Amino acid sequence: PDLNAFDLADRLAMTGTEVERVETHGVSGLEHFVVGKVLDARQHPD
């Protein structure tokens, strides 16, 4: 199905199939998750 898990659950509910919950592992929206390079790491002053 060309749907994410949450849209698929909504579509199933419209057919009369009860979907109690959608469980995910990890994060579902990746747009704010990136790989970064630590340029500098210093002790917090406080």
PDB file of all heavy atoms in Angstrom:
ATOM      1  N   PRO A   1       0.848  -1.197   0.000  1.00  0.00           N
ATOM      2  CA  PRO A   1       0.000   0.000   0.000  1.00  0.00           C
ATOM      3  C   PRO A   1       0.884   1.249   0.000  1.00  0.00           C
ATOM      4  O   PRO A   1       1.900   1.302   0.687  1.00  0.00           O
ATOM      5  CB  PRO A   1      -0.789  -0.120   1.306  1.00  0.00           C
ATOM      6  CG  PRO A   1       0.002  -1.055   2.159  1.00  0.00           C
ATOM      7  CD  PRO A   1       0.760  -1.948   1.226  1.00  0.00           C
ATOM      8  N   ASP A   2       0.511   2.207  -0.791  1.00  0.00           N
ATOM      9  CA  ASP A   2       1.290   3.441  -0.891  1.00  0.00           C
ATOM     10  C   ASP A   2       0.861   4.408   0.214  1.00  0.00           C
ATOM     11  O   ASP A   2       0.479   5.537  -0.051  1.00  0.00           O
ATOM     12  CB  ASP A   2       1.097   4.060  -2.277  1.00  0.00           C
ATOM     13  CG  ASP A   2       2.067   5.191  -2.550  1.00  0.00           C
ATOM     14  OD1 ASP A   2       3.139   5.214  -1.914  1.00  0.00           O
ATOM     15  OD2 ASP A   2       1.750   6.059  -3.387  1.00  0.00           O
ATOM     16  N   LEU A   3       0.872   3.913   1.451  1.00  0.00           N
ATOM     17  CA  LEU A   3       0.434   4.684   2.603  1.00  0.00           C
ATOM     18  C   LEU A   3       1.383   4.437   3.763  1.00  0.00           C
ATOM     19  O   LEU A   3       1.915   3.343   3.903  1.00  0.00           O
ATOM     20  CB  LEU A   3      -0.970   4.232   3.044  1.00  0.00           C
ATOM     21  CG  LEU A   3      -2.108   4.327   2.037  1.00  0.00           C
ATOM     22  CD1 LEU A   3      -3.321   3.572   2.554  1.00  0.00           C
ATOM     23  CD2 LEU A   3      -2.461   5.773   1.772  1.00  0.00           C
ATOM     24  N   ASN A   4       1.552   5.464   4.596  1.00  0.00           N
ATOM     25  CA  ASN A   4       2.319   5.209   5.819  1.00  0.00           C
ATOM     26  C   ASN A   4       1.415   4.471   6.799  1.00  0.00           C
ATOM     27  O   ASN A   4       0.205   4.319   6.573  1.00  0.00           O
ATOM     28  CB  ASN A   4       2.889   6.511   6.400  1.00  0.00           C
ATOM     29  CG  ASN A   4       1.827   7.445   6.924  1.00  0.00           C
ATOM     30  OD1 ASN A   4       0.861   7.034   7.570  1.00  0.00           O
ATOM     31  ND2 ASN A   4       1.998   8.737   6.661  1.00  0.00           N
ATOM     32  N   ALA A   5       1.978   3.994   7.895  1.00  0.00           N
ATOM     33  CA  ALA A   5       1.233   3.143   8.834  1.00  0.00           C
ATOM     34  C   ALA A   5       0.007   3.852   9.405  1.00  0.00           C
ATOM     35  O   ALA A   5      -1.046   3.234   9.579  1.00  0.00           O
ATOM     36  CB  ALA A   5       2.153   2.685   9.961  1.00  0.00           C
ATOM     37  N   PHE A   6       0.097   5.140   9.673  1.00  0.00           N
ATOM     38  CA  PHE A   6      -1.017   5.866  10.268  1.00  0.00           C
ATOM     39  C   PHE A   6      -2.151   6.070   9.260  1.00  0.00           C
ATOM     40  O   PHE A   6      -3.324   5.915   9.601  1.00  0.00           O
ATOM     41  CB  PHE A   6      -0.540   7.195  10.851  1.00  0.00           C
ATOM     42  CG  PHE A   6       0.458   6.998  11.961  1.00  0.00           C
ATOM     43  CD1 PHE A   6       1.820   7.119  11.717  1.00  0.00           C
ATOM     44  CD2 PHE A   6       0.045   6.665  13.242  1.00  0.00           C
ATOM     45  CE1 PHE A   6       2.738   6.917  12.736  1.00  0.00           C
ATOM     46  CE2 PHE A   6       0.955   6.463  14.266  1.00  0.00           C
ATOM     47  CZ  PHE A   6       2.302   6.586  14.014  1.00  0.00           C
ATOM     48  N   ASP A   7      -1.807   6.385   8.003  1.00  0.00           N
ATOM     49  CA  ASP A   7      -2.838   6.527   6.964  1.00  0.00           C
ATOM     50  C   ASP A   7      -3.485   5.181   6.661  1.00  0.00           C
ATOM     51  O   ASP A   7      -4.688   5.098   6.415  1.00  0.00           O
ATOM     52  CB  ASP A   7      -2.243   7.131   5.689  1.00  0.00           C
ATOM     53  CG  ASP A   7      -1.843   8.589   5.875  1.00  0.00           C
ATOM     54  OD1 ASP A   7      -2.382   9.242   6.797  1.00  0.00           O
ATOM     55  OD2 ASP A   7      -0.991   9.073   5.102  1.00  0.00           O
ATOM     56  N   LEU A   8      -2.685   4.117   6.690  1.00  0.00           N
ATOM     57  CA  LEU A   8      -3.229   2.780   6.471  1.00  0.00           C
ATOM     58  C   LEU A   8      -4.216   2.417   7.585  1.00  0.00           C
ATOM     59  O   LEU A   8      -5.285   1.855   7.326  1.00  0.00           O
ATOM     60  CB  LEU A   8      -2.103   1.756   6.401  1.00  0.00           C
ATOM     61  CG  LEU A   8      -2.521   0.302   6.165  1.00  0.00           C
ATOM     62  CD1 LEU A   8      -3.299   0.158   4.863  1.00  0.00           C
ATOM     63  CD2 LEU A   8      -1.288  -0.595   6.164  1.00  0.00           C
ATOM     64  N   ALA A   9      -3.887   2.766   8.815  1.00  0.00           N
ATOM     65  CA  ALA A   9      -4.798   2.503   9.939  1.00  0.00           C
ATOM     66  C   ALA A   9      -6.113   3.251   9.742  1.00  0.00           C
ATOM     67  O   ALA A   9      -7.191   2.703   9.986  1.00  0.00           O
ATOM     68  CB  ALA A   9      -4.140   2.900  11.255  1.00  0.00           C
ATOM     69  N   ASP A  10      -6.047   4.502   9.284  1.00  0.00           N
ATOM     70  CA  ASP A  10      -7.272   5.263   9.008  1.00  0.00           C
ATOM     71  C   ASP A  10      -8.093   4.598   7.908  1.00  0.00           C
ATOM     72  O   ASP A  10      -9.315   4.476   8.012  1.00  0.00           O
ATOM     73  CB  ASP A  10      -6.929   6.699   8.597  1.00  0.00           C
ATOM     74  CG  ASP A  10      -6.389   7.532   9.739  1.00  0.00           C
ATOM     75  OD1 ASP A  10      -6.610   7.166  10.918  1.00  0.00           O
ATOM     76  OD2 ASP A  10      -5.741   8.563   9.454  1.00  0.00           O
ATOM     77  N   ARG A  11      -7.434   4.148   6.848  1.00  0.00           N
ATOM     78  CA  ARG A  11      -8.129   3.497   5.742  1.00  0.00           C
ATOM     79  C   ARG A  11      -8.776   2.196   6.199  1.00  0.00           C
ATOM     80  O   ARG A  11      -9.907   1.899   5.833  1.00  0.00           O
ATOM     81  CB  ARG A  11      -7.129   3.249   4.613  1.00  0.00           C
ATOM     82  CG  ARG A  11      -7.680   2.664   3.349  1.00  0.00           C
ATOM     83  CD  ARG A  11      -8.395   3.652   2.445  1.00  0.00           C
ATOM     84  NE  ARG A  11      -7.623   4.802   2.077  1.00  0.00           N
ATOM     85  CZ  ARG A  11      -6.891   4.924   0.980  1.00  0.00           C
ATOM     86  NH1 ARG A  11      -6.798   3.923   0.145  1.00  0.00           N
ATOM     87  NH2 ARG A  11      -6.260   6.044   0.721  1.00  0.00           N
ATOM     88  N   LEU A  12      -8.071   1.416   7.019  1.00  0.00           N
ATOM     89  CA  LEU A  12      -8.645   0.180   7.555  1.00  0.00           C
ATOM     90  C   LEU A  12      -9.868   0.474   8.426  1.00  0.00           C
ATOM     91  O   LEU A  12     -10.872  -0.235   8.364  1.00  0.00           O
ATOM     92  CB  LEU A  12      -7.600  -0.613   8.338  1.00  0.00           C
ATOM     93  CG  LEU A  12      -6.528  -1.310   7.499  1.00  0.00           C
ATOM     94  CD1 LEU A  12      -5.407  -1.815   8.406  1.00  0.00           C
ATOM     95  CD2 LEU A  12      -7.122  -2.444   6.694  1.00  0.00           C
ATOM     96  N   ALA A  13      -9.777   1.535   9.226  1.00  0.00           N
ATOM     97  CA  ALA A  13     -10.911   1.911  10.074  1.00  0.00           C
ATOM     98  C   ALA A  13     -12.132   2.264   9.233  1.00  0.00           C
ATOM     99  O   ALA A  13     -13.271   1.951   9.605  1.00  0.00           O
ATOM    100  CB  ALA A  13     -10.523   3.070  10.985  1.00  0.00           C
ATOM    101  N   MET A  14     -11.926   2.892   8.071  1.00  0.00           N
ATOM    102  CA  MET A  14     -13.053   3.239   7.190  1.00  0.00           C
ATOM    103  C   MET A  14     -13.724   1.995   6.607  1.00  0.00           C
ATOM    104  O   MET A  14     -14.879   2.046   6.205  1.00  0.00           O
ATOM    105  CB  MET A  14     -12.586   4.169   6.067  1.00  0.00           C
ATOM    106  CG  MET A  14     -12.279   5.568   6.566  1.00  0.00           C
ATOM    107  SD  MET A  14     -12.003   6.766   5.251  1.00  0.00           S
ATOM    108  CE  MET A  14     -10.487   6.198   4.527  1.00  0.00           C
ATOM    109  N   THR A  15     -13.007   0.861   6.565  1.00  0.00           N
ATOM    110  CA  THR A  15     -13.597  -0.378   6.048  1.00  0.00           C
ATOM    111  C   THR A  15     -14.308  -1.172   7.145  1.00  0.00           C
ATOM    112  O   THR A  15     -14.850  -2.225   6.869  1.00  0.00           O
ATOM    113  CB  THR A  15     -12.524  -1.294   5.409  1.00  0.00           C
ATOM    114  OG1 THR A  15     -11.673  -1.792   6.441  1.00  0.00           O
ATOM    115  CG2 THR A  15     -11.729  -0.585   4.339  1.00  0.00           C
ATOM    116  N   GLY A  16     -14.244  -0.654   8.371  1.00  0.00           N
ATOM    117  CA  GLY A  16     -14.868  -1.359   9.485  1.00  0.00           C
ATOM    118  C   GLY A  16     -13.907  -2.221  10.270  1.00  0.00           C
ATOM    119  O   GLY A  16     -14.296  -2.884  11.224  1.00  0.00           O
ATOM    120  N   THR A  17     -12.647  -2.236   9.876  1.00  0.00           N
ATOM    121  CA  THR A  17     -11.627  -2.986  10.604  1.00  0.00           C
ATOM    122  C   THR A  17     -11.110  -2.104  11.731  1.00  0.00           C
ATOM    123  O   THR A  17     -10.546  -1.044  11.488  1.00  0.00           O
ATOM    124  CB  THR A  17     -10.462  -3.378   9.671  1.00  0.00           C
ATOM    125  OG1 THR A  17     -10.988  -4.096   8.557  1.00  0.00           O
ATOM    126  CG2 THR A  17      -9.435  -4.204  10.400  1.00  0.00           C
ATOM    127  N   GLU A  18     -11.311  -2.547  12.955  1.00  0.00           N
ATOM    128  CA  GLU A  18     -10.897  -1.735  14.097  1.00  0.00           C
ATOM    129  C   GLU A  18      -9.380  -1.781  14.260  1.00  0.00           C
ATOM    130  O   GLU A  18      -8.777  -2.854  14.303  1.00  0.00           O
ATOM    131  CB  GLU A  18     -11.559  -2.244  15.371  1.00  0.00           C
ATOM    132  CG  GLU A  18     -11.205  -1.395  16.574  1.00  0.00           C
ATOM    133  CD  GLU A  18     -11.842  -1.904  17.863  1.00  0.00           C
ATOM    134  OE1 GLU A  18     -12.768  -2.727  17.797  1.00  0.00           O
ATOM    135  OE2 GLU A  18     -11.376  -1.470  18.930  1.00  0.00           O
ATOM    136  N   VAL A  19      -8.769  -0.617  14.334  1.00  0.00           N
ATOM    137  CA  VAL A  19      -7.338  -0.494  14.611  1.00  0.00           C
ATOM    138  C   VAL A  19      -7.230   0.239  15.942  1.00  0.00           C
ATOM    139  O   VAL A  19      -7.545   1.416  16.042  1.00  0.00           O
ATOM    140  CB  VAL A  19      -6.596   0.285  13.497  1.00  0.00           C
ATOM    141  CG1 VAL A  19      -5.122   0.442  13.856  1.00  0.00           C
ATOM    142  CG2 VAL A  19      -6.759  -0.422  12.158  1.00  0.00           C
ATOM    143  N   GLU A  20      -6.811  -0.507  16.956  1.00  0.00           N
ATOM    144  CA  GLU A  20      -6.744   0.067  18.298  1.00  0.00           C
ATOM    145  C   GLU A  20      -5.592   1.057  18.426  1.00  0.00           C
ATOM    146  O   GLU A  20      -5.733   2.114  19.017  1.00  0.00           O
ATOM    147  CB  GLU A  20      -6.595  -1.053  19.324  1.00  0.00           C
ATOM    148  CG  GLU A  20      -6.627  -0.578  20.753  1.00  0.00           C
ATOM    149  CD  GLU A  20      -6.554  -1.725  21.740  1.00  0.00           C
ATOM    150  OE1 GLU A  20      -7.357  -2.671  21.603  1.00  0.00           O
ATOM    151  OE2 GLU A  20      -5.676  -1.678  22.613  1.00  0.00           O
ATOM    152  N   ARG A  21      -4.443   0.688  17.859  1.00  0.00           N
ATOM    153  CA  ARG A  21      -3.286   1.593  17.926  1.00  0.00           C
ATOM    154  C   ARG A  21      -2.246   1.160  16.898  1.00  0.00           C
ATOM    155  O   ARG A  21      -2.248   0.034  16.425  1.00  0.00           O
ATOM    156  CB  ARG A  21      -2.674   1.618  19.317  1.00  0.00           C
ATOM    157  CG  ARG A  21      -1.973   0.354  19.740  1.00  0.00           C
ATOM    158  CD  ARG A  21      -1.345   0.505  21.134  1.00  0.00           C
ATOM    159  NE  ARG A  21      -0.804  -0.750  21.587  1.00  0.00           N
ATOM    160  CZ  ARG A  21      -1.435  -1.567  22.431  1.00  0.00           C
ATOM    161  NH1 ARG A  21      -2.607  -1.226  22.913  1.00  0.00           N
ATOM    162  NH2 ARG A  21      -0.890  -2.699  22.792  1.00  0.00           N
ATOM    163  N   VAL A  22      -1.366   2.097  16.590  1.00  0.00           N
ATOM    164  CA  VAL A  22      -0.228   1.829  15.718  1.00  0.00           C
ATOM    165  C   VAL A  22       1.013   1.978  16.580  1.00  0.00           C
ATOM    166  O   VAL A  22       1.217   3.022  17.205  1.00  0.00           O
ATOM    167  CB  VAL A  22      -0.178   2.816  14.525  1.00  0.00           C
ATOM    168  CG1 VAL A  22       1.081   2.604  13.701  1.00  0.00           C
ATOM    169  CG2 VAL A  22      -1.429   2.684  13.665  1.00  0.00           C
ATOM    170  N   GLU A  23       1.815   0.939  16.645  1.00  0.00           N
ATOM    171  CA  GLU A  23       3.054   0.982  17.415  1.00  0.00           C
ATOM    172  C   GLU A  23       4.210   1.168  16.449  1.00  0.00           C
ATOM    173  O   GLU A  23       4.256   0.534  15.403  1.00  0.00           O
ATOM    174  CB  GLU A  23       3.250  -0.311  18.206  1.00  0.00           C
ATOM    175  CG  GLU A  23       2.199  -0.519  19.269  1.00  0.00           C
ATOM    176  CD  GLU A  23       2.379  -1.832  20.015  1.00  0.00           C
ATOM    177  OE1 GLU A  23       3.333  -2.574  19.730  1.00  0.00           O
ATOM    178  OE2 GLU A  23       1.548  -2.104  20.893  1.00  0.00           O
ATOM    179  N   THR A  24       5.113   2.036  16.806  1.00  0.00           N
ATOM    180  CA  THR A  24       6.283   2.256  15.956  1.00  0.00           C
ATOM    181  C   THR A  24       7.547   2.017  16.767  1.00  0.00           C
ATOM    182  O   THR A  24       7.541   2.099  17.996  1.00  0.00           O
ATOM    183  CB  THR A  24       6.314   3.695  15.397  1.00  0.00           C
ATOM    184  OG1 THR A  24       6.369   4.611  16.500  1.00  0.00           O
ATOM    185  CG2 THR A  24       5.083   3.990  14.554  1.00  0.00           C
ATOM    186  N   HIS A  25       8.597   1.723  16.077  1.00  0.00           N
ATOM    187  CA  HIS A  25       9.924   1.618  16.685  1.00  0.00           C
ATOM    188  C   HIS A  25      10.755   2.721  16.078  1.00  0.00           C
ATOM    189  O   HIS A  25      10.755   2.913  14.862  1.00  0.00           O
ATOM    190  CB  HIS A  25      10.562   0.260  16.391  1.00  0.00           C
ATOM    191  CG  HIS A  25       9.818  -0.876  17.013  1.00  0.00           C
ATOM    192  ND1 HIS A  25       9.930  -1.182  18.340  1.00  0.00           N
ATOM    193  CD2 HIS A  25       8.927  -1.751  16.504  1.00  0.00           C
ATOM    194  CE1 HIS A  25       9.150  -2.203  18.621  1.00  0.00           C
ATOM    195  NE2 HIS A  25       8.524  -2.561  17.523  1.00  0.00           N
ATOM    196  N   GLY A  26      11.450   3.455  16.905  1.00  0.00           N
ATOM    197  CA  GLY A  26      12.234   4.565  16.390  1.00  0.00           C
ATOM    198  C   GLY A  26      11.342   5.763  16.122  1.00  0.00           C
ATOM    199  O   GLY A  26      10.273   5.906  16.683  1.00  0.00           O
ATOM    200  N   VAL A  27      11.790   6.611  15.247  1.00  0.00           N
ATOM    201  CA  VAL A  27      11.055   7.828  14.917  1.00  0.00           C
ATOM    202  C   VAL A  27      10.338   7.636  13.595  1.00  0.00           C
ATOM    203  O   VAL A  27      10.767   6.870  12.747  1.00  0.00           O
ATOM    204  CB  VAL A  27      12.000   9.043  14.863  1.00  0.00           C
ATOM    205  CG1 VAL A  27      12.575   9.331  16.235  1.00  0.00           C
ATOM    206  CG2 VAL A  27      13.103   8.839  13.850  1.00  0.00           C
ATOM    207  N   SER A  28       9.233   8.353  13.411  1.00  0.00           N
ATOM    208  CA  SER A  28       8.474   8.172  12.180  1.00  0.00           C
ATOM    209  C   SER A  28       8.723   9.291  11.171  1.00  0.00           C
ATOM    210  O   SER A  28       8.638   9.061   9.984  1.00  0.00           O
ATOM    211  CB  SER A  28       6.985   8.036  12.491  1.00  0.00           C
ATOM    212  OG  SER A  28       6.543   9.127  13.260  1.00  0.00           O
ATOM    213  N   GLY A  29       8.999  10.491  11.590  1.00  0.00           N
ATOM    214  CA  GLY A  29       9.288  11.592  10.674  1.00  0.00           C
ATOM    215  C   GLY A  29      10.759  11.937  10.732  1.00  0.00           C
ATOM    216  O   GLY A  29      11.257  12.368  11.757  1.00  0.00           O
ATOM    217  N   LEU A  30      11.460  11.754   9.637  1.00  0.00           N
ATOM    218  CA  LEU A  30      12.920  11.888   9.666  1.00  0.00           C
ATOM    219  C   LEU A  30      13.448  13.262   9.271  1.00  0.00           C
ATOM    220  O   LEU A  30      14.656  13.483   9.312  1.00  0.00           O
ATOM    221  CB  LEU A  30      13.536  10.834   8.735  1.00  0.00           C
ATOM    222  CG  LEU A  30      13.237   9.387   9.119  1.00  0.00           C
ATOM    223  CD1 LEU A  30      13.849   8.442   8.091  1.00  0.00           C
ATOM    224  CD2 LEU A  30      13.746   9.081  10.505  1.00  0.00           C
ATOM    225  N   GLU A  31      12.584  14.192   8.897  1.00  0.00           N
ATOM    226  CA  GLU A  31      13.072  15.458   8.364  1.00  0.00           C
ATOM    227  C   GLU A  31      13.931  16.274   9.319  1.00  0.00           C
ATOM    228  O   GLU A  31      14.727  17.091   8.880  1.00  0.00           O
ATOM    229  CB  GLU A  31      11.908  16.314   7.832  1.00  0.00           C
ATOM    230  CG  GLU A  31      10.873  16.703   8.873  1.00  0.00           C
ATOM    231  CD  GLU A  31       9.785  15.654   9.078  1.00  0.00           C
ATOM    232  OE1 GLU A  31       9.823  14.572   8.482  1.00  0.00           O
ATOM    233  OE2 GLU A  31       8.893  15.941   9.882  1.00  0.00           O
ATOM    234  N   HIS A  32      13.828  16.054  10.624  1.00  0.00           N
ATOM    235  CA  HIS A  32      14.632  16.815  11.592  1.00  0.00           C
ATOM    236  C   HIS A  32      15.729  15.970  12.241  1.00  0.00           C
ATOM    237  O   HIS A  32      16.329  16.386  13.217  1.00  0.00           O
ATOM    238  CB  HIS A  32      13.727  17.412  12.671  1.00  0.00           C
ATOM    239  CG  HIS A  32      12.740  18.392  12.137  1.00  0.00           C
ATOM    240  ND1 HIS A  32      13.094  19.631  11.661  1.00  0.00           N
ATOM    241  CD2 HIS A  32      11.398  18.306  11.959  1.00  0.00           C
ATOM    242  CE1 HIS A  32      12.028  20.262  11.230  1.00  0.00           C
ATOM    243  NE2 HIS A  32      10.982  19.473  11.405  1.00  0.00           N
ATOM    244  N   PHE A  33      15.956  14.770  11.714  1.00  0.00           N
ATOM    245  CA  PHE A  33      17.004  13.901  12.230  1.00  0.00           C
ATOM    246  C   PHE A  33      18.122  13.840  11.206  1.00  0.00           C
ATOM    247  O   PHE A  33      17.876  13.544  10.031  1.00  0.00           O
ATOM    248  CB  PHE A  33      16.462  12.491  12.509  1.00  0.00           C
ATOM    249  CG  PHE A  33      15.494  12.461  13.654  1.00  0.00           C
ATOM    250  CD1 PHE A  33      14.142  12.701  13.455  1.00  0.00           C
ATOM    251  CD2 PHE A  33      15.944  12.223  14.941  1.00  0.00           C
ATOM    252  CE1 PHE A  33      13.249  12.692  14.509  1.00  0.00           C
ATOM    253  CE2 PHE A  33      15.047  12.211  16.008  1.00  0.00           C
ATOM    254  CZ  PHE A  33      13.706  12.450  15.790  1.00  0.00           C
ATOM    255  N   VAL A  34      19.346  14.159  11.627  1.00  0.00           N
ATOM    256  CA  VAL A  34      20.485  14.218  10.707  1.00  0.00           C
ATOM    257  C   VAL A  34      21.712  13.580  11.352  1.00  0.00           C
ATOM    258  O   VAL A  34      21.724  13.296  12.549  1.00  0.00           O
ATOM    259  CB  VAL A  34      20.819  15.683  10.304  1.00  0.00           C
ATOM    260  CG1 VAL A  34      19.655  16.330   9.570  1.00  0.00           C
ATOM    261  CG2 VAL A  34      21.216  16.511  11.514  1.00  0.00           C
ATOM    262  N   VAL A  35      22.727  13.392  10.553  1.00  0.00           N
ATOM    263  CA  VAL A  35      24.031  12.972  11.050  1.00  0.00           C
ATOM    264  C   VAL A  35      24.896  14.216  11.098  1.00  0.00           C
ATOM    265  O   VAL A  35      24.919  15.005  10.146  1.00  0.00           O
ATOM    266  CB  VAL A  35      24.658  11.898  10.133  1.00  0.00           C
ATOM    267  CG1 VAL A  35      26.072  11.575  10.579  1.00  0.00           C
ATOM    268  CG2 VAL A  35      23.793  10.652  10.119  1.00  0.00           C
ATOM    269  N   GLY A  36      25.568  14.418  12.210  1.00  0.00           N
ATOM    270  CA  GLY A  36      26.404  15.603  12.378  1.00  0.00           C
ATOM    271  C   GLY A  36      27.818  15.241  12.785  1.00  0.00           C
ATOM    272  O   GLY A  36      28.098  14.120  13.199  1.00  0.00           O
ATOM    273  N   LYS A  37      28.688  16.222  12.675  1.00  0.00           N
ATOM    274  CA  LYS A  37      30.096  16.065  13.055  1.00  0.00           C
ATOM    275  C   LYS A  37      30.373  17.012  14.215  1.00  0.00           C
ATOM    276  O   LYS A  37      30.120  18.216  14.122  1.00  0.00           O
ATOM    277  CB  LYS A  37      30.990  16.404  11.862  1.00  0.00           C
ATOM    278  CG  LYS A  37      32.456  16.308  12.115  1.00  0.00           C
ATOM    279  CD  LYS A  37      32.918  14.913  11.892  1.00  0.00           C
ATOM    280  CE  LYS A  37      34.441  14.883  11.848  1.00  0.00           C
ATOM    281  NZ  LYS A  37      34.930  13.573  11.609  1.00  0.00           N
ATOM    282  N   VAL A  38      30.864  16.470  15.329  1.00  0.00           N
ATOM    283  CA  VAL A  38      31.188  17.297  16.497  1.00  0.00           C
ATOM    284  C   VAL A  38      32.494  18.033  16.195  1.00  0.00           C
ATOM    285  O   VAL A  38      33.551  17.422  16.075  1.00  0.00           O
ATOM    286  CB  VAL A  38      31.313  16.447  17.784  1.00  0.00           C
ATOM    287  CG1 VAL A  38      31.669  17.336  18.974  1.00  0.00           C
ATOM    288  CG2 VAL A  38      30.034  15.669  18.047  1.00  0.00           C
ATOM    289  N   LEU A  39      32.383  19.350  16.033  1.00  0.00           N
ATOM    290  CA  LEU A  39      33.551  20.175  15.735  1.00  0.00           C
ATOM    291  C   LEU A  39      34.318  20.546  16.999  1.00  0.00           C
ATOM    292  O   LEU A  39      35.529  20.728  16.968  1.00  0.00           O
ATOM    293  CB  LEU A  39      33.118  21.452  15.001  1.00  0.00           C
ATOM    294  CG  LEU A  39      32.327  21.240  13.708  1.00  0.00           C
ATOM    295  CD1 LEU A  39      31.830  22.576  13.171  1.00  0.00           C
ATOM    296  CD2 LEU A  39      33.173  20.510  12.685  1.00  0.00           C
ATOM    297  N   ASP A  40      33.582  20.662  18.107  1.00  0.00           N
ATOM    298  CA  ASP A  40      34.194  21.045  19.373  1.00  0.00           C
ATOM    299  C   ASP A  40      33.289  20.593  20.507  1.00  0.00           C
ATOM    300  O   ASP A  40      32.068  20.722  20.414  1.00  0.00           O
ATOM    301  CB  ASP A  40      34.385  22.573  19.433  1.00  0.00           C
ATOM    302  CG  ASP A  40      35.156  23.013  20.654  1.00  0.00           C
ATOM    303  OD1 ASP A  40      36.228  22.429  20.923  1.00  0.00           O
ATOM    304  OD2 ASP A  40      34.692  23.937  21.351  1.00  0.00           O
ATOM    305  N   ALA A  41      33.869  20.038  21.549  1.00  0.00           N
ATOM    306  CA  ALA A  41      33.120  19.618  22.732  1.00  0.00           C
ATOM    307  C   ALA A  41      33.875  20.093  23.962  1.00  0.00           C
ATOM    308  O   ALA A  41      34.989  19.647  24.209  1.00  0.00           O
ATOM    309  CB  ALA A  41      32.949  18.099  22.749  1.00  0.00           C
ATOM    310  N   ARG A  42      33.263  21.004  24.689  1.00  0.00           N
ATOM    311  CA  ARG A  42      33.905  21.571  25.882  1.00  0.00           C
ATOM    312  C   ARG A  42      33.021  21.378  27.109  1.00  0.00           C
ATOM    313  O   ARG A  42      31.815  21.275  26.995  1.00  0.00           O
ATOM    314  CB  ARG A  42      34.150  23.066  25.690  1.00  0.00           C
ATOM    315  CG  ARG A  42      35.089  23.361  24.548  1.00  0.00           C
ATOM    316  CD  ARG A  42      35.212  24.856  24.352  1.00  0.00           C
ATOM    317  NE  ARG A  42      35.942  25.094  23.117  1.00  0.00           N
ATOM    318  CZ  ARG A  42      37.130  25.639  23.075  1.00  0.00           C
ATOM    319  NH1 ARG A  42      37.719  26.015  24.166  1.00  0.00           N
ATOM    320  NH2 ARG A  42      37.731  25.818  21.918  1.00  0.00           N
ATOM    321  N   GLN A  43      33.648  21.375  28.252  1.00  0.00           N
ATOM    322  CA  GLN A  43      32.928  21.272  29.520  1.00  0.00           C
ATOM    323  C   GLN A  43      31.980  22.460  29.668  1.00  0.00           C
ATOM    324  O   GLN A  43      32.344  23.593  29.388  1.00  0.00           O
ATOM    325  CB  GLN A  43      33.923  21.248  30.681  1.00  0.00           C
ATOM    326  CG  GLN A  43      33.305  21.048  32.039  1.00  0.00           C
ATOM    327  CD  GLN A  43      32.629  19.703  32.155  1.00  0.00           C
ATOM    328  OE1 GLN A  43      33.173  18.683  31.765  1.00  0.00           O
ATOM    329  NE2 GLN A  43      31.423  19.706  32.693  1.00  0.00           N
ATOM    330  N   HIS A  44      30.754  22.222  30.086  1.00  0.00           N
ATOM    331  CA  HIS A  44      29.787  23.285  30.362  1.00  0.00           C
ATOM    332  C   HIS A  44      30.325  24.108  31.525  1.00  0.00           C
ATOM    333  O   HIS A  44      30.792  23.546  32.524  1.00  0.00           O
ATOM    334  CB  HIS A  44      28.440  22.658  30.720  1.00  0.00           C
ATOM    335  CG  HIS A  44      27.314  23.628  30.791  1.00  0.00           C
ATOM    336  ND1 HIS A  44      27.229  24.614  31.744  1.00  0.00           N
ATOM    337  CD2 HIS A  44      26.207  23.749  30.016  1.00  0.00           C
ATOM    338  CE1 HIS A  44      26.115  25.304  31.568  1.00  0.00           C
ATOM    339  NE2 HIS A  44      25.473  24.797  30.521  1.00  0.00           N
ATOM    340  N   PRO A  45      30.269  25.436  31.436  1.00  0.00           N
ATOM    341  CA  PRO A  45      30.848  26.251  32.510  1.00  0.00           C
ATOM    342  C   PRO A  45      30.118  26.142  33.847  1.00  0.00           C
ATOM    343  O   PRO A  45      30.708  26.410  34.890  1.00  0.00           O
ATOM    344  CB  PRO A  45      30.768  27.681  31.968  1.00  0.00           C
ATOM    345  CG  PRO A  45      29.742  27.647  30.896  1.00  0.00           C
ATOM    346  CD  PRO A  45      29.757  26.252  30.340  1.00  0.00           C
ATOM    347  N   ASP A  46      28.835  25.731  33.827  1.00  0.00           N
ATOM    348  CA  ASP A  46      28.055  25.694  35.061  1.00  0.00           C
ATOM    349  C   ASP A  46      27.475  24.324  35.396  1.00  0.00           C
ATOM    350  O   ASP A  46      26.556  24.225  36.204  1.00  0.00           O
ATOM    351  CB  ASP A  46      26.904  26.706  34.971  1.00  0.00           C
ATOM    352  CG  ASP A  46      27.410  28.127  34.808  1.00  0.00           C
ATOM    353  OD1 ASP A  46      28.422  28.477  35.458  1.00  0.00           O
ATOM    354  OD2 ASP A  46      26.804  28.883  34.030  1.00  0.00           O
TER     355      ASP A  46
END
